[in-house]
């Protein structure tokens, strides 16, 4: 071991090997067990690539600091905090449904309303008007008009992000990746945020219907 630190070449080589091994352990191995092909609809990619960009806008705007967007409990939470016999049929969340969205925005506290429930009550036009309203607590007019609105959509970056996720085993497709360019070029960051909120609302209604079917 002492000879490694005395020899610069050996030290650099050992550092490179350790770095590669650490990267594999942290970024590659966790994805090896994922198998979402043929899974149910709630673990499939969003139909509109604009939703993925909206997720990024949502994260960058810090919405998850004051809002939640996943009101359904996880199975472990049901077992730990509730009467299992009484709530055994509760349709709980599946962690796999979150693999299409990175970075994760679970939302750990609620100062404002739960956005998955709120978005299910609005149309696209209603959400757009609400986000641009100057009477609200926050106004996101700058996301719909101006230099920031469309200049930072970065379709090439999103395309490469999807390709990286495909290489990691996430079931996107080549046409889905190519469709990012046309979809993002025609939209603003505000449009992307609205698309993501509508996706949350639609998914929330889908889970509610699944719960009542049980």
C-alpha atoms as a PDB file:
ATOM      1  CA  UNK A   1       0.000   0.000   0.000  1.00  0.00           C
ATOM      2  CA  UNK A   2       2.880   2.341   0.829  1.00  0.00           C
ATOM      3  CA  UNK A   3       4.391   1.889  -2.638  1.00  0.00           C
ATOM      4  CA  UNK A   4       1.154   3.093  -4.266  1.00  0.00           C
ATOM      5  CA  UNK A   5       1.366   6.474  -2.540  1.00  0.00           C
ATOM      6  CA  UNK A   6       5.053   6.798  -3.344  1.00  0.00           C
ATOM      7  CA  UNK A   7       4.512   6.123  -7.073  1.00  0.00           C
ATOM      8  CA  UNK A   8       2.423   8.872  -8.772  1.00  0.00           C
ATOM      9  CA  UNK A   9       1.498   6.630 -11.723  1.00  0.00           C
ATOM     10  CA  UNK A  10       0.178   3.868  -9.468  1.00  0.00           C
ATOM     11  CA  UNK A  11      -1.693   6.434  -7.376  1.00  0.00           C
ATOM     12  CA  UNK A  12      -3.414   7.918 -10.436  1.00  0.00           C
ATOM     13  CA  UNK A  13      -4.296   4.437 -11.709  1.00  0.00           C
ATOM     14  CA  UNK A  14      -5.745   3.394  -8.356  1.00  0.00           C
ATOM     15  CA  UNK A  15      -7.769   6.611  -8.205  1.00  0.00           C
ATOM     16  CA  UNK A  16      -9.236   5.999 -11.667  1.00  0.00           C
ATOM     17  CA  UNK A  17     -10.155   2.396 -10.833  1.00  0.00           C
ATOM     18  CA  UNK A  18     -11.785   3.468  -7.563  1.00  0.00           C
ATOM     19  CA  UNK A  19     -13.732   6.247  -9.321  1.00  0.00           C
ATOM     20  CA  UNK A  20     -15.065   3.879 -11.996  1.00  0.00           C
ATOM     21  CA  UNK A  21     -16.048   1.299  -9.382  1.00  0.00           C
ATOM     22  CA  UNK A  22     -17.835   3.949  -7.304  1.00  0.00           C
ATOM     23  CA  UNK A  23     -19.715   5.233 -10.357  1.00  0.00           C
ATOM     24  CA  UNK A  24     -20.836   1.704 -11.246  1.00  0.00           C
ATOM     25  CA  UNK A  25     -22.030   1.065  -7.697  1.00  0.00           C
ATOM     26  CA  UNK A  26     -23.987   4.323  -7.447  1.00  0.00           C
ATOM     27  CA  UNK A  27     -25.250   5.015 -10.981  1.00  0.00           C
ATOM     28  CA  UNK A  28     -25.360   1.669 -12.822  1.00  0.00           C
ATOM     29  CA  UNK A  29     -26.120  -1.199 -10.441  1.00  0.00           C
ATOM     30  CA  UNK A  30     -29.314   0.357  -8.948  1.00  0.00           C
ATOM     31  CA  UNK A  31     -30.892   0.319 -12.427  1.00  0.00           C
ATOM     32  CA  UNK A  32     -29.956  -3.251 -13.302  1.00  0.00           C
ATOM     33  CA  UNK A  33     -32.992  -4.725 -11.569  1.00  0.00           C
ATOM     34  CA  UNK A  34     -35.567  -2.508 -13.255  1.00  0.00           C
ATOM     35  CA  UNK A  35     -37.955  -4.320 -15.565  1.00  0.00           C
ATOM     36  CA  UNK A  36     -40.885  -2.147 -16.594  1.00  0.00           C
ATOM     37  CA  UNK A  37     -41.632  -3.604 -20.018  1.00  0.00           C
ATOM     38  CA  UNK A  38     -45.222  -4.804 -20.123  1.00  0.00           C
ATOM     39  CA  UNK A  39     -46.044  -3.103 -16.819  1.00  0.00           C
ATOM     40  CA  UNK A  40     -49.407  -1.511 -16.168  1.00  0.00           C
ATOM     41  CA  UNK A  41     -50.325   1.892 -17.596  1.00  0.00           C
ATOM     42  CA  UNK A  42     -49.225   3.843 -14.524  1.00  0.00           C
ATOM     43  CA  UNK A  43     -45.605   2.789 -15.038  1.00  0.00           C
ATOM     44  CA  UNK A  44     -45.490   3.762 -18.715  1.00  0.00           C
ATOM     45  CA  UNK A  45     -43.867   6.900 -20.090  1.00  0.00           C
ATOM     46  CA  UNK A  46     -46.058  10.025 -20.341  1.00  0.00           C
ATOM     47  CA  UNK A  47     -47.611  10.262 -23.800  1.00  0.00           C
ATOM     48  CA  UNK A  48     -46.398  13.834 -24.277  1.00  0.00           C
ATOM     49  CA  UNK A  49     -42.625  14.506 -23.953  1.00  0.00           C
ATOM     50  CA  UNK A  50     -43.559  18.042 -22.893  1.00  0.00           C
ATOM     51  CA  UNK A  51     -44.574  16.542 -19.534  1.00  0.00           C
ATOM     52  CA  UNK A  52     -40.947  15.569 -18.862  1.00  0.00           C
ATOM     53  CA  UNK A  53     -39.820  19.136 -19.510  1.00  0.00           C
ATOM     54  CA  UNK A  54     -42.624  20.393 -17.293  1.00  0.00           C
ATOM     55  CA  UNK A  55     -41.304  18.197 -14.514  1.00  0.00           C
ATOM     56  CA  UNK A  56     -37.926  19.929 -14.838  1.00  0.00           C
ATOM     57  CA  UNK A  57     -39.575  23.371 -14.758  1.00  0.00           C
ATOM     58  CA  UNK A  58     -41.569  22.307 -11.695  1.00  0.00           C
ATOM     59  CA  UNK A  59     -38.342  21.285  -9.957  1.00  0.00           C
ATOM     60  CA  UNK A  60     -36.391  24.384 -10.979  1.00  0.00           C
ATOM     61  CA  UNK A  61     -39.186  26.669  -9.760  1.00  0.00           C
ATOM     62  CA  UNK A  62     -39.070  24.966  -6.349  1.00  0.00           C
ATOM     63  CA  UNK A  63     -42.759  24.028  -6.377  1.00  0.00           C
ATOM     64  CA  UNK A  64     -42.046  20.849  -4.381  1.00  0.00           C
ATOM     65  CA  UNK A  65     -40.889  22.978  -1.425  1.00  0.00           C
ATOM     66  CA  UNK A  66     -44.448  24.136  -0.712  1.00  0.00           C
ATOM     67  CA  UNK A  67     -46.637  21.576  -2.477  1.00  0.00           C
ATOM     68  CA  UNK A  68     -47.124  17.845  -2.622  1.00  0.00           C
ATOM     69  CA  UNK A  69     -48.005  16.039  -5.820  1.00  0.00           C
ATOM     70  CA  UNK A  70     -48.358  12.455  -4.641  1.00  0.00           C
ATOM     71  CA  UNK A  71     -51.161  12.173  -2.095  1.00  0.00           C
ATOM     72  CA  UNK A  72     -51.401   8.374  -2.228  1.00  0.00           C
ATOM     73  CA  UNK A  73     -49.515   6.520   0.535  1.00  0.00           C
ATOM     74  CA  UNK A  74     -46.830   3.947  -0.082  1.00  0.00           C
ATOM     75  CA  UNK A  75     -47.475   0.379   1.055  1.00  0.00           C
ATOM     76  CA  UNK A  76     -44.919   0.667   3.861  1.00  0.00           C
ATOM     77  CA  UNK A  77     -46.713   3.759   5.170  1.00  0.00           C
ATOM     78  CA  UNK A  78     -50.076   1.985   5.143  1.00  0.00           C
ATOM     79  CA  UNK A  79     -48.625  -0.919   7.118  1.00  0.00           C
ATOM     80  CA  UNK A  80     -46.855   1.320   9.622  1.00  0.00           C
ATOM     81  CA  UNK A  81     -49.349   4.103  10.253  1.00  0.00           C
ATOM     82  CA  UNK A  82     -52.842   2.730   9.554  1.00  0.00           C
ATOM     83  CA  UNK A  83     -55.173  -0.082  10.433  1.00  0.00           C
ATOM     84  CA  UNK A  84     -54.250  -2.603   7.730  1.00  0.00           C
ATOM     85  CA  UNK A  85     -57.490  -4.561   8.130  1.00  0.00           C
ATOM     86  CA  UNK A  86     -59.521  -1.408   7.546  1.00  0.00           C
ATOM     87  CA  UNK A  87     -57.482   0.127   4.733  1.00  0.00           C
ATOM     88  CA  UNK A  88     -56.054  -2.977   3.063  1.00  0.00           C
ATOM     89  CA  UNK A  89     -57.669  -2.118  -0.297  1.00  0.00           C
ATOM     90  CA  UNK A  90     -56.215   1.387  -0.468  1.00  0.00           C
ATOM     91  CA  UNK A  91     -54.566   1.819  -3.859  1.00  0.00           C
ATOM     92  CA  UNK A  92     -51.079   2.798  -2.758  1.00  0.00           C
ATOM     93  CA  UNK A  93     -48.249   4.243  -4.806  1.00  0.00           C
ATOM     94  CA  UNK A  94     -45.650   2.168  -6.581  1.00  0.00           C
ATOM     95  CA  UNK A  95     -42.097   3.498  -6.570  1.00  0.00           C
ATOM     96  CA  UNK A  96     -41.631   2.333 -10.182  1.00  0.00           C
ATOM     97  CA  UNK A  97     -44.081   4.957 -11.407  1.00  0.00           C
ATOM     98  CA  UNK A  98     -41.495   7.632 -10.558  1.00  0.00           C
ATOM     99  CA  UNK A  99     -38.624   6.272 -12.665  1.00  0.00           C
ATOM    100  CA  UNK A 100     -39.544   8.394 -15.687  1.00  0.00           C
ATOM    101  CA  UNK A 101     -39.009  11.597 -13.713  1.00  0.00           C
ATOM    102  CA  UNK A 102     -35.572  12.663 -12.578  1.00  0.00           C
ATOM    103  CA  UNK A 103     -34.699  14.370 -10.324  1.00  0.00           C
ATOM    104  CA  UNK A 104     -37.388  13.151  -7.935  1.00  0.00           C
ATOM    105  CA  UNK A 105     -39.815  15.757  -6.556  1.00  0.00           C
ATOM    106  CA  UNK A 106     -41.713  13.814  -3.927  1.00  0.00           C
ATOM    107  CA  UNK A 107     -42.796  16.904  -1.953  1.00  0.00           C
ATOM    108  CA  UNK A 108     -42.357  16.372   1.779  1.00  0.00           C
ATOM    109  CA  UNK A 109     -44.583  19.120   3.171  1.00  0.00           C
ATOM    110  CA  UNK A 110     -47.676  21.001   2.170  1.00  0.00           C
ATOM    111  CA  UNK A 111     -47.858  24.762   2.633  1.00  0.00           C
ATOM    112  CA  UNK A 112     -49.973  25.154  -0.489  1.00  0.00           C
ATOM    113  CA  UNK A 113     -52.534  22.697  -1.891  1.00  0.00           C
ATOM    114  CA  UNK A 114     -51.725  19.261  -3.229  1.00  0.00           C
ATOM    115  CA  UNK A 115     -51.211  19.962  -6.913  1.00  0.00           C
ATOM    116  CA  UNK A 116     -52.267  16.543  -8.163  1.00  0.00           C
ATOM    117  CA  UNK A 117     -55.720  17.148  -6.707  1.00  0.00           C
ATOM    118  CA  UNK A 118     -55.855  20.818  -7.718  1.00  0.00           C
ATOM    119  CA  UNK A 119     -54.808  20.132 -11.309  1.00  0.00           C
ATOM    120  CA  UNK A 120     -57.613  17.600 -11.740  1.00  0.00           C
ATOM    121  CA  UNK A 121     -60.124  20.438 -11.297  1.00  0.00           C
ATOM    122  CA  UNK A 122     -58.773  22.727 -14.033  1.00  0.00           C
ATOM    123  CA  UNK A 123     -58.602  22.708 -17.803  1.00  0.00           C
ATOM    124  CA  UNK A 124     -55.474  23.672 -19.718  1.00  0.00           C
ATOM    125  CA  UNK A 125     -56.812  27.190 -20.191  1.00  0.00           C
ATOM    126  CA  UNK A 126     -57.760  27.463 -16.526  1.00  0.00           C
ATOM    127  CA  UNK A 127     -54.308  26.449 -15.328  1.00  0.00           C
ATOM    128  CA  UNK A 128     -52.623  28.828 -17.761  1.00  0.00           C
ATOM    129  CA  UNK A 129     -54.758  31.722 -16.530  1.00  0.00           C
ATOM    130  CA  UNK A 130     -54.118  30.797 -12.894  1.00  0.00           C
ATOM    131  CA  UNK A 131     -50.349  30.651 -13.310  1.00  0.00           C
ATOM    132  CA  UNK A 132     -50.277  34.042 -15.044  1.00  0.00           C
ATOM    133  CA  UNK A 133     -52.631  35.757 -12.602  1.00  0.00           C
ATOM    134  CA  UNK A 134     -51.025  38.699 -10.804  1.00  0.00           C
ATOM    135  CA  UNK A 135     -53.521  38.360  -7.965  1.00  0.00           C
ATOM    136  CA  UNK A 136     -52.143  34.988  -6.859  1.00  0.00           C
ATOM    137  CA  UNK A 137     -49.296  34.323  -4.434  1.00  0.00           C
ATOM    138  CA  UNK A 138     -46.992  33.497  -7.340  1.00  0.00           C
ATOM    139  CA  UNK A 139     -47.057  34.749 -10.905  1.00  0.00           C
ATOM    140  CA  UNK A 140     -45.293  32.727 -13.591  1.00  0.00           C
ATOM    141  CA  UNK A 141     -45.952  35.093 -16.476  1.00  0.00           C
ATOM    142  CA  UNK A 142     -42.237  35.060 -17.310  1.00  0.00           C
ATOM    143  CA  UNK A 143     -42.537  31.369 -18.201  1.00  0.00           C
ATOM    144  CA  UNK A 144     -45.123  32.058 -20.913  1.00  0.00           C
ATOM    145  CA  UNK A 145     -43.645  35.149 -22.574  1.00  0.00           C
ATOM    146  CA  UNK A 146     -40.235  36.748 -22.883  1.00  0.00           C
ATOM    147  CA  UNK A 147     -36.703  35.480 -23.358  1.00  0.00           C
ATOM    148  CA  UNK A 148     -36.894  32.934 -20.519  1.00  0.00           C
ATOM    149  CA  UNK A 149     -40.103  31.374 -21.810  1.00  0.00           C
ATOM    150  CA  UNK A 150     -38.787  29.580 -24.877  1.00  0.00           C
ATOM    151  CA  UNK A 151     -35.062  30.208 -24.870  1.00  0.00           C
ATOM    152  CA  UNK A 152     -34.219  27.565 -22.289  1.00  0.00           C
ATOM    153  CA  UNK A 153     -36.329  24.636 -23.491  1.00  0.00           C
ATOM    154  CA  UNK A 154     -33.134  22.833 -24.595  1.00  0.00           C
ATOM    155  CA  UNK A 155     -34.666  20.027 -26.690  1.00  0.00           C
ATOM    156  CA  UNK A 156     -31.227  18.545 -27.456  1.00  0.00           C
ATOM    157  CA  UNK A 157     -30.467  18.244 -23.750  1.00  0.00           C
ATOM    158  CA  UNK A 158     -33.822  16.578 -23.103  1.00  0.00           C
ATOM    159  CA  UNK A 159     -33.237  14.191 -26.005  1.00  0.00           C
ATOM    160  CA  UNK A 160     -29.884  13.122 -24.595  1.00  0.00           C
ATOM    161  CA  UNK A 161     -31.428  12.767 -21.132  1.00  0.00           C
ATOM    162  CA  UNK A 162     -34.038  10.375 -22.520  1.00  0.00           C
ATOM    163  CA  UNK A 163     -31.314   8.436 -24.352  1.00  0.00           C
ATOM    164  CA  UNK A 164     -29.329   8.126 -21.129  1.00  0.00           C
ATOM    165  CA  UNK A 165     -32.411   6.832 -19.312  1.00  0.00           C
ATOM    166  CA  UNK A 166     -33.051   4.341 -22.137  1.00  0.00           C
ATOM    167  CA  UNK A 167     -29.497   3.052 -21.743  1.00  0.00           C
ATOM    168  CA  UNK A 168     -30.209   2.641 -18.028  1.00  0.00           C
ATOM    169  CA  UNK A 169     -33.210   0.423 -18.787  1.00  0.00           C
ATOM    170  CA  UNK A 170     -36.100   2.902 -18.685  1.00  0.00           C
ATOM    171  CA  UNK A 171     -38.589   1.875 -21.429  1.00  0.00           C
ATOM    172  CA  UNK A 172     -38.628   4.956 -23.627  1.00  0.00           C
ATOM    173  CA  UNK A 173     -38.445   4.485 -27.404  1.00  0.00           C
ATOM    174  CA  UNK A 174     -36.489   5.985 -30.300  1.00  0.00           C
ATOM    175  CA  UNK A 175     -39.571   7.731 -31.800  1.00  0.00           C
ATOM    176  CA  UNK A 176     -40.311   9.163 -28.356  1.00  0.00           C
ATOM    177  CA  UNK A 177     -36.797  10.576 -28.161  1.00  0.00           C
ATOM    178  CA  UNK A 178     -36.965  12.075 -31.660  1.00  0.00           C
ATOM    179  CA  UNK A 179     -40.379  13.608 -30.964  1.00  0.00           C
ATOM    180  CA  UNK A 180     -38.873  15.812 -28.276  1.00  0.00           C
ATOM    181  CA  UNK A 181     -37.497  18.319 -30.797  1.00  0.00           C
ATOM    182  CA  UNK A 182     -40.772  19.219 -32.514  1.00  0.00           C
ATOM    183  CA  UNK A 183     -42.715  19.239 -29.254  1.00  0.00           C
ATOM    184  CA  UNK A 184     -40.346  21.469 -27.296  1.00  0.00           C
ATOM    185  CA  UNK A 185     -39.526  23.840 -30.164  1.00  0.00           C
ATOM    186  CA  UNK A 186     -43.186  24.823 -30.425  1.00  0.00           C
ATOM    187  CA  UNK A 187     -43.737  25.370 -26.689  1.00  0.00           C
ATOM    188  CA  UNK A 188     -42.698  27.577 -23.777  1.00  0.00           C
ATOM    189  CA  UNK A 189     -41.639  26.670 -20.257  1.00  0.00           C
ATOM    190  CA  UNK A 190     -45.075  27.749 -19.097  1.00  0.00           C
ATOM    191  CA  UNK A 191     -46.718  25.329 -21.532  1.00  0.00           C
ATOM    192  CA  UNK A 192     -44.480  22.569 -20.176  1.00  0.00           C
ATOM    193  CA  UNK A 193     -45.435  23.335 -16.574  1.00  0.00           C
ATOM    194  CA  UNK A 194     -49.135  23.267 -17.465  1.00  0.00           C
ATOM    195  CA  UNK A 195     -48.674  19.932 -19.270  1.00  0.00           C
ATOM    196  CA  UNK A 196     -47.001  18.451 -16.183  1.00  0.00           C
ATOM    197  CA  UNK A 197     -49.738  19.699 -13.844  1.00  0.00           C
ATOM    198  CA  UNK A 198     -52.435  18.298 -16.141  1.00  0.00           C
ATOM    199  CA  UNK A 199     -50.560  14.984 -16.136  1.00  0.00           C
ATOM    200  CA  UNK A 200     -50.605  14.977 -12.325  1.00  0.00           C
ATOM    201  CA  UNK A 201     -54.325  15.707 -12.304  1.00  0.00           C
ATOM    202  CA  UNK A 202     -55.113  13.013 -14.861  1.00  0.00           C
ATOM    203  CA  UNK A 203     -53.022  10.468 -12.983  1.00  0.00           C
ATOM    204  CA  UNK A 204     -54.717  11.373  -9.705  1.00  0.00           C
ATOM    205  CA  UNK A 205     -58.157  10.769 -11.222  1.00  0.00           C
ATOM    206  CA  UNK A 206     -56.943   7.460 -12.656  1.00  0.00           C
ATOM    207  CA  UNK A 207     -55.833   6.273  -9.239  1.00  0.00           C
ATOM    208  CA  UNK A 208     -59.104   7.356  -7.663  1.00  0.00           C
ATOM    209  CA  UNK A 209     -61.066   5.348 -10.214  1.00  0.00           C
ATOM    210  CA  UNK A 210     -58.809   2.354  -9.577  1.00  0.00           C
ATOM    211  CA  UNK A 211     -59.482   2.666  -5.835  1.00  0.00           C
ATOM    212  CA  UNK A 212     -63.249   2.747  -6.283  1.00  0.00           C
ATOM    213  CA  UNK A 213     -63.111  -0.284  -8.586  1.00  0.00           C
ATOM    214  CA  UNK A 214     -61.675  -2.237  -5.697  1.00  0.00           C
END
